[in-house]
């Protein structure tokens, strides 16, 4: 469980380093969600999702390749 918490902290930390909080230029948008803090946390969530998706794909590829080499 401790390993999972450390991995989650590293993923979130890396995502926070990559995240940007630049306000978007939306000429006709009148909503209240175009603020730096909201954009920053949204970026973090997206980057974490991208990391997890990439990890899932790499795990699938590793599983298929390792099964192939175990047959011979």
PDB file of N, CA and C in Angstrom:
ATOM      1  N   UNK A   1       0.825  -1.191   0.000  1.00  0.00           N
ATOM      2  CA  UNK A   1       0.000   0.000   0.000  1.00  0.00           C
ATOM      3  C   UNK A   1       0.867   1.253   0.000  1.00  0.00           C
ATOM      4  N   UNK A   2       1.976   1.181   0.717  1.00  0.00           N
ATOM      5  CA  UNK A   2       2.878   2.324   0.758  1.00  0.00           C
ATOM      6  C   UNK A   2       3.463   2.607  -0.618  1.00  0.00           C
ATOM      7  N   UNK A   3       3.750   1.544  -1.371  1.00  0.00           N
ATOM      8  CA  UNK A   3       4.297   1.715  -2.713  1.00  0.00           C
ATOM      9  C   UNK A   3       3.285   2.421  -3.608  1.00  0.00           C
ATOM     10  N   UNK A   4       2.018   2.052  -3.494  1.00  0.00           N
ATOM     11  CA  UNK A   4       0.984   2.684  -4.299  1.00  0.00           C
ATOM     12  C   UNK A   4       0.855   4.174  -3.970  1.00  0.00           C
ATOM     13  N   UNK A   5       0.971   4.518  -2.699  1.00  0.00           N
ATOM     14  CA  UNK A   5       0.899   5.928  -2.316  1.00  0.00           C
ATOM     15  C   UNK A   5       2.089   6.712  -2.850  1.00  0.00           C
ATOM     16  N   UNK A   6       3.263   6.100  -2.817  1.00  0.00           N
ATOM     17  CA  UNK A   6       4.458   6.768  -3.333  1.00  0.00           C
ATOM     18  C   UNK A   6       4.346   6.956  -4.843  1.00  0.00           C
ATOM     19  N   UNK A   7       3.878   5.928  -5.548  1.00  0.00           N
ATOM     20  CA  UNK A   7       3.712   6.029  -6.998  1.00  0.00           C
ATOM     21  C   UNK A   7       2.681   7.100  -7.337  1.00  0.00           C
ATOM     22  N   UNK A   8       1.581   7.145  -6.605  1.00  0.00           N
ATOM     23  CA  UNK A   8       0.564   8.167  -6.838  1.00  0.00           C
ATOM     24  C   UNK A   8       1.121   9.559  -6.582  1.00  0.00           C
ATOM     25  N   UNK A   9       1.902   9.714  -5.530  1.00  0.00           N
ATOM     26  CA  UNK A   9       2.495  11.017  -5.221  1.00  0.00           C
ATOM     27  C   UNK A   9       3.470  11.448  -6.310  1.00  0.00           C
ATOM     28  N   UNK A  10       4.246  10.505  -6.817  1.00  0.00           N
ATOM     29  CA  UNK A  10       5.195  10.826  -7.888  1.00  0.00           C
ATOM     30  C   UNK A  10       4.453  11.211  -9.164  1.00  0.00           C
ATOM     31  N   UNK A  11       3.400  10.473  -9.505  1.00  0.00           N
ATOM     32  CA  UNK A  11       2.616  10.802 -10.699  1.00  0.00           C
ATOM     33  C   UNK A  11       1.981  12.184 -10.579  1.00  0.00           C
ATOM     34  N   UNK A  12       1.402  12.478  -9.438  1.00  0.00           N
ATOM     35  CA  UNK A  12       0.766  13.776  -9.239  1.00  0.00           C
ATOM     36  C   UNK A  12       1.810  14.888  -9.228  1.00  0.00           C
ATOM     37  N   UNK A  13       2.961  14.631  -8.616  1.00  0.00           N
ATOM     38  CA  UNK A  13       4.026  15.627  -8.610  1.00  0.00           C
ATOM     39  C   UNK A  13       4.559  15.915 -10.001  1.00  0.00           C
ATOM     40  N   UNK A  14       4.765  14.863 -10.787  1.00  0.00           N
ATOM     41  CA  UNK A  14       5.230  15.042 -12.160  1.00  0.00           C
ATOM     42  C   UNK A  14       4.186  15.783 -12.990  1.00  0.00           C
ATOM     43  N   UNK A  15       2.922  15.440 -12.789  1.00  0.00           N
ATOM     44  CA  UNK A  15       1.851  16.122 -13.506  1.00  0.00           C
ATOM     45  C   UNK A  15       1.787  17.599 -13.102  1.00  0.00           C
ATOM     46  N   UNK A  16       2.031  17.890 -11.837  1.00  0.00           N
ATOM     47  CA  UNK A  16       2.015  19.282 -11.384  1.00  0.00           C
ATOM     48  C   UNK A  16       3.152  20.082 -12.014  1.00  0.00           C
ATOM     49  N   UNK A  17       4.294  19.429 -12.236  1.00  0.00           N
ATOM     50  CA  UNK A  17       5.399  20.114 -12.900  1.00  0.00           C
ATOM     51  C   UNK A  17       5.085  20.426 -14.360  1.00  0.00           C
ATOM     52  N   UNK A  18       4.301  19.573 -14.992  1.00  0.00           N
ATOM     53  CA  UNK A  18       3.955  19.768 -16.404  1.00  0.00           C
ATOM     54  C   UNK A  18       2.733  20.668 -16.607  1.00  0.00           C
ATOM     55  N   UNK A  19       1.927  20.830 -15.570  1.00  0.00           N
ATOM     56  CA  UNK A  19       0.668  21.563 -15.693  1.00  0.00           C
ATOM     57  C   UNK A  19       0.908  23.049 -15.916  1.00  0.00           C
ATOM     58  N   UNK A  20      -0.036  23.658 -16.604  1.00  0.00           N
ATOM     59  CA  UNK A  20       0.035  25.076 -16.922  1.00  0.00           C
ATOM     60  C   UNK A  20      -1.242  25.749 -16.419  1.00  0.00           C
ATOM     61  N   UNK A  21      -1.121  26.949 -15.906  1.00  0.00           N
ATOM     62  CA  UNK A  21      -2.303  27.642 -15.398  1.00  0.00           C
ATOM     63  C   UNK A  21      -2.581  28.926 -16.165  1.00  0.00           C
ATOM     64  N   UNK A  22      -2.196  28.950 -17.429  1.00  0.00           N
ATOM     65  CA  UNK A  22      -2.429  30.121 -18.264  1.00  0.00           C
ATOM     66  C   UNK A  22      -3.924  30.243 -18.560  1.00  0.00           C
ATOM     67  N   UNK A  23      -4.452  31.436 -18.364  1.00  0.00           N
ATOM     68  CA  UNK A  23      -5.867  31.688 -18.636  1.00  0.00           C
ATOM     69  C   UNK A  23      -6.090  31.636 -20.141  1.00  0.00           C
ATOM     70  N   UNK A  24      -7.150  30.947 -20.541  1.00  0.00           N
ATOM     71  CA  UNK A  24      -7.461  30.775 -21.952  1.00  0.00           C
ATOM     72  C   UNK A  24      -8.112  32.026 -22.520  1.00  0.00           C
ATOM     73  N   UNK A  25      -7.822  32.325 -23.774  1.00  0.00           N
ATOM     74  CA  UNK A  25      -8.430  33.465 -24.451  1.00  0.00           C
ATOM     75  C   UNK A  25      -9.691  32.979 -25.156  1.00  0.00           C
ATOM     76  N   UNK A  26     -10.827  33.119 -24.492  1.00  0.00           N
ATOM     77  CA  UNK A  26     -12.109  32.680 -25.035  1.00  0.00           C
ATOM     78  C   UNK A  26     -13.000  33.919 -25.175  1.00  0.00           C
ATOM     79  N   UNK A  27     -13.096  34.490 -26.380  1.00  0.00           N
ATOM     80  CA  UNK A  27     -13.761  35.780 -26.550  1.00  0.00           C
ATOM     81  C   UNK A  27     -15.224  35.834 -26.100  1.00  0.00           C
ATOM     82  N   UNK A  28     -16.001  34.806 -26.352  1.00  0.00           N
ATOM     83  CA  UNK A  28     -17.431  34.866 -26.051  1.00  0.00           C
ATOM     84  C   UNK A  28     -17.825  34.054 -24.831  1.00  0.00           C
ATOM     85  N   UNK A  29     -16.850  33.623 -24.043  1.00  0.00           N
ATOM     86  CA  UNK A  29     -17.132  32.812 -22.864  1.00  0.00           C
ATOM     87  C   UNK A  29     -17.393  33.728 -21.669  1.00  0.00           C
ATOM     88  N   UNK A  30     -18.536  33.528 -21.014  1.00  0.00           N
ATOM     89  CA  UNK A  30     -18.909  34.358 -19.867  1.00  0.00           C
ATOM     90  C   UNK A  30     -18.922  33.583 -18.549  1.00  0.00           C
ATOM     91  N   UNK A  31     -18.460  32.339 -18.552  1.00  0.00           N
ATOM     92  CA  UNK A  31     -18.491  31.504 -17.359  1.00  0.00           C
ATOM     93  C   UNK A  31     -17.397  31.870 -16.357  1.00  0.00           C
ATOM     94  N   UNK A  32     -17.427  31.190 -15.230  1.00  0.00           N
ATOM     95  CA  UNK A  32     -16.485  31.501 -14.154  1.00  0.00           C
ATOM     96  C   UNK A  32     -15.395  30.442 -13.992  1.00  0.00           C
ATOM     97  N   UNK A  33     -15.254  29.533 -14.940  1.00  0.00           N
ATOM     98  CA  UNK A  33     -14.294  28.430 -14.798  1.00  0.00           C
ATOM     99  C   UNK A  33     -12.947  28.705 -15.449  1.00  0.00           C
ATOM    100  N   UNK A  34     -12.783  29.826 -16.080  1.00  0.00           N
ATOM    101  CA  UNK A  34     -11.531  30.143 -16.767  1.00  0.00           C
ATOM    102  C   UNK A  34     -10.599  30.898 -15.820  1.00  0.00           C
ATOM    103  N   UNK A  35     -10.250  30.236 -14.714  1.00  0.00           N
ATOM    104  CA  UNK A  35      -9.367  30.828 -13.717  1.00  0.00           C
ATOM    105  C   UNK A  35      -8.129  29.940 -13.572  1.00  0.00           C
ATOM    106  N   UNK A  36      -6.988  30.518 -13.224  1.00  0.00           N
ATOM    107  CA  UNK A  36      -5.744  29.739 -13.181  1.00  0.00           C
ATOM    108  C   UNK A  36      -5.798  28.514 -12.282  1.00  0.00           C
ATOM    109  N   UNK A  37      -6.396  28.604 -11.104  1.00  0.00           N
ATOM    110  CA  UNK A  37      -6.407  27.469 -10.183  1.00  0.00           C
ATOM    111  C   UNK A  37      -7.191  26.283 -10.763  1.00  0.00           C
ATOM    112  N   UNK A  38      -8.341  26.542 -11.346  1.00  0.00           N
ATOM    113  CA  UNK A  38      -9.152  25.482 -11.955  1.00  0.00           C
ATOM    114  C   UNK A  38      -8.421  24.859 -13.141  1.00  0.00           C
ATOM    115  N   UNK A  39      -7.809  25.689 -13.966  1.00  0.00           N
ATOM    116  CA  UNK A  39      -7.077  25.182 -15.120  1.00  0.00           C
ATOM    117  C   UNK A  39      -5.866  24.349 -14.697  1.00  0.00           C
ATOM    118  N   UNK A  40      -5.204  24.755 -13.625  1.00  0.00           N
ATOM    119  CA  UNK A  40      -4.046  24.015 -13.118  1.00  0.00           C
ATOM    120  C   UNK A  40      -4.451  22.627 -12.653  1.00  0.00           C
ATOM    121  N   UNK A  41      -5.514  22.521 -11.851  1.00  0.00           N
ATOM    122  CA  UNK A  41      -5.942  21.209 -11.344  1.00  0.00           C
ATOM    123  C   UNK A  41      -6.523  20.342 -12.451  1.00  0.00           C
ATOM    124  N   UNK A  42      -7.140  20.958 -13.447  1.00  0.00           N
ATOM    125  CA  UNK A  42      -7.632  20.196 -14.589  1.00  0.00           C
ATOM    126  C   UNK A  42      -6.467  19.615 -15.382  1.00  0.00           C
ATOM    127  N   UNK A  43      -5.422  20.407 -15.576  1.00  0.00           N
ATOM    128  CA  UNK A  43      -4.228  19.903 -16.250  1.00  0.00           C
ATOM    129  C   UNK A  43      -3.601  18.744 -15.492  1.00  0.00           C
ATOM    130  N   UNK A  44      -3.525  18.858 -14.182  1.00  0.00           N
ATOM    131  CA  UNK A  44      -2.967  17.770 -13.376  1.00  0.00           C
ATOM    132  C   UNK A  44      -3.782  16.493 -13.587  1.00  0.00           C
ATOM    133  N   UNK A  45      -5.088  16.605 -13.533  1.00  0.00           N
ATOM    134  CA  UNK A  45      -5.941  15.431 -13.736  1.00  0.00           C
ATOM    135  C   UNK A  45      -5.764  14.813 -15.110  1.00  0.00           C
ATOM    136  N   UNK A  46      -5.656  15.656 -16.128  1.00  0.00           N
ATOM    137  CA  UNK A  46      -5.453  15.136 -17.477  1.00  0.00           C
ATOM    138  C   UNK A  46      -4.105  14.439 -17.622  1.00  0.00           C
ATOM    139  N   UNK A  47      -3.056  15.040 -17.093  1.00  0.00           N
ATOM    140  CA  UNK A  47      -1.738  14.415 -17.190  1.00  0.00           C
ATOM    141  C   UNK A  47      -1.686  13.088 -16.437  1.00  0.00           C
ATOM    142  N   UNK A  48      -2.292  13.020 -15.270  1.00  0.00           N
ATOM    143  CA  UNK A  48      -2.326  11.752 -14.526  1.00  0.00           C
ATOM    144  C   UNK A  48      -3.084  10.699 -15.335  1.00  0.00           C
ATOM    145  N   UNK A  49      -4.182  11.094 -15.959  1.00  0.00           N
ATOM    146  CA  UNK A  49      -4.936  10.157 -16.799  1.00  0.00           C
ATOM    147  C   UNK A  49      -4.091   9.682 -17.977  1.00  0.00           C
ATOM    148  N   UNK A  50      -3.330  10.589 -18.591  1.00  0.00           N
ATOM    149  CA  UNK A  50      -2.459  10.199 -19.702  1.00  0.00           C
ATOM    150  C   UNK A  50      -1.383   9.216 -19.235  1.00  0.00           C
ATOM    151  N   UNK A  51      -0.793   9.472 -18.066  1.00  0.00           N
ATOM    152  CA  UNK A  51       0.231   8.569 -17.531  1.00  0.00           C
ATOM    153  C   UNK A  51      -0.343   7.184 -17.264  1.00  0.00           C
ATOM    154  N   UNK A  52      -1.534   7.141 -16.671  1.00  0.00           N
ATOM    155  CA  UNK A  52      -2.157   5.846 -16.372  1.00  0.00           C
ATOM    156  C   UNK A  52      -2.530   5.101 -17.650  1.00  0.00           C
ATOM    157  N   UNK A  53      -3.009   5.825 -18.654  1.00  0.00           N
ATOM    158  CA  UNK A  53      -3.348   5.202 -19.929  1.00  0.00           C
ATOM    159  C   UNK A  53      -2.096   4.642 -20.605  1.00  0.00           C
ATOM    160  N   UNK A  54      -1.012   5.400 -20.581  1.00  0.00           N
ATOM    161  CA  UNK A  54       0.246   4.917 -21.156  1.00  0.00           C
ATOM    162  C   UNK A  54       0.746   3.689 -20.393  1.00  0.00           C
ATOM    163  N   UNK A  55       0.620   3.703 -19.074  1.00  0.00           N
ATOM    164  CA  UNK A  55       1.018   2.543 -18.284  1.00  0.00           C
ATOM    165  C   UNK A  55       0.189   1.321 -18.614  1.00  0.00           C
ATOM    166  N   UNK A  56      -1.102   1.511 -18.833  1.00  0.00           N
ATOM    167  CA  UNK A  56      -1.966   0.389 -19.195  1.00  0.00           C
ATOM    168  C   UNK A  56      -1.560  -0.198 -20.550  1.00  0.00           C
ATOM    169  N   UNK A  57      -1.302   0.669 -21.526  1.00  0.00           N
ATOM    170  CA  UNK A  57      -0.876   0.190 -22.838  1.00  0.00           C
ATOM    171  C   UNK A  57       0.462  -0.545 -22.752  1.00  0.00           C
ATOM    172  N   UNK A  58       1.408  -0.005 -21.998  1.00  0.00           N
ATOM    173  CA  UNK A  58       2.701  -0.664 -21.863  1.00  0.00           C
ATOM    174  C   UNK A  58       2.567  -2.015 -21.165  1.00  0.00           C
ATOM    175  N   UNK A  59       1.678  -2.105 -20.197  1.00  0.00           N
ATOM    176  CA  UNK A  59       1.444  -3.372 -19.514  1.00  0.00           C
ATOM    177  C   UNK A  59       0.846  -4.404 -20.463  1.00  0.00           C
ATOM    178  N   UNK A  60      -0.082  -3.995 -21.293  1.00  0.00           N
ATOM    179  CA  UNK A  60      -0.684  -4.903 -22.276  1.00  0.00           C
ATOM    180  C   UNK A  60       0.367  -5.383 -23.267  1.00  0.00           C
ATOM    181  N   UNK A  61       1.175  -4.467 -23.766  1.00  0.00           N
ATOM    182  CA  UNK A  61       2.214  -4.838 -24.720  1.00  0.00           C
ATOM    183  C   UNK A  61       3.227  -5.789 -24.077  1.00  0.00           C
ATOM    184  N   UNK A  62       3.633  -5.504 -22.850  1.00  0.00           N
ATOM    185  CA  UNK A  62       4.565  -6.381 -22.143  1.00  0.00           C
ATOM    186  C   UNK A  62       3.967  -7.780 -21.956  1.00  0.00           C
ATOM    187  N   UNK A  63       2.691  -7.831 -21.618  1.00  0.00           N
ATOM    188  CA  UNK A  63       2.034  -9.125 -21.407  1.00  0.00           C
ATOM    189  C   UNK A  63       2.019  -9.956 -22.687  1.00  0.00           C
ATOM    190  N   UNK A  64       1.701  -9.329 -23.788  1.00  0.00           N
ATOM    191  CA  UNK A  64       1.647 -10.043 -25.060  1.00  0.00           C
ATOM    192  C   UNK A  64       3.038 -10.505 -25.476  1.00  0.00           C
ATOM    193  N   UNK A  65       4.017  -9.638 -25.349  1.00  0.00           N
ATOM    194  CA  UNK A  65       5.381  -9.992 -25.760  1.00  0.00           C
ATOM    195  C   UNK A  65       5.956 -11.081 -24.855  1.00  0.00           C
ATOM    196  N   UNK A  66       5.723 -10.992 -23.560  1.00  0.00           N
ATOM    197  CA  UNK A  66       6.275 -12.006 -22.660  1.00  0.00           C
ATOM    198  C   UNK A  66       5.613 -13.371 -22.874  1.00  0.00           C
ATOM    199  N   UNK A  67       4.328 -13.401 -23.207  1.00  0.00           N
ATOM    200  CA  UNK A  67       3.677 -14.670 -23.522  1.00  0.00           C
ATOM    201  C   UNK A  67       4.276 -15.285 -24.777  1.00  0.00           C
ATOM    202  N   UNK A  68       4.592 -14.461 -25.744  1.00  0.00           N
ATOM    203  CA  UNK A  68       5.175 -14.956 -26.996  1.00  0.00           C
ATOM    204  C   UNK A  68       6.521 -15.626 -26.742  1.00  0.00           C
ATOM    205  N   UNK A  69       7.365 -15.001 -25.916  1.00  0.00           N
ATOM    206  CA  UNK A  69       8.685 -15.560 -25.666  1.00  0.00           C
ATOM    207  C   UNK A  69       8.656 -16.740 -24.708  1.00  0.00           C
ATOM    208  N   UNK A  70       7.640 -16.877 -23.884  1.00  0.00           N
ATOM    209  CA  UNK A  70       7.549 -18.010 -22.980  1.00  0.00           C
ATOM    210  C   UNK A  70       7.146 -19.302 -23.704  1.00  0.00           C
ATOM    211  N   UNK A  71       6.502 -19.170 -24.850  1.00  0.00           N
ATOM    212  CA  UNK A  71       6.089 -20.353 -25.615  1.00  0.00           C
ATOM    213  C   UNK A  71       7.278 -21.091 -26.194  1.00  0.00           C
ATOM    214  N   UNK A  72       8.364 -20.394 -26.470  1.00  0.00           N
ATOM    215  CA  UNK A  72       9.499 -21.024 -27.156  1.00  0.00           C
ATOM    216  C   UNK A  72      10.657 -21.222 -26.257  1.00  0.00           C
TER     217      UNK A  72
END
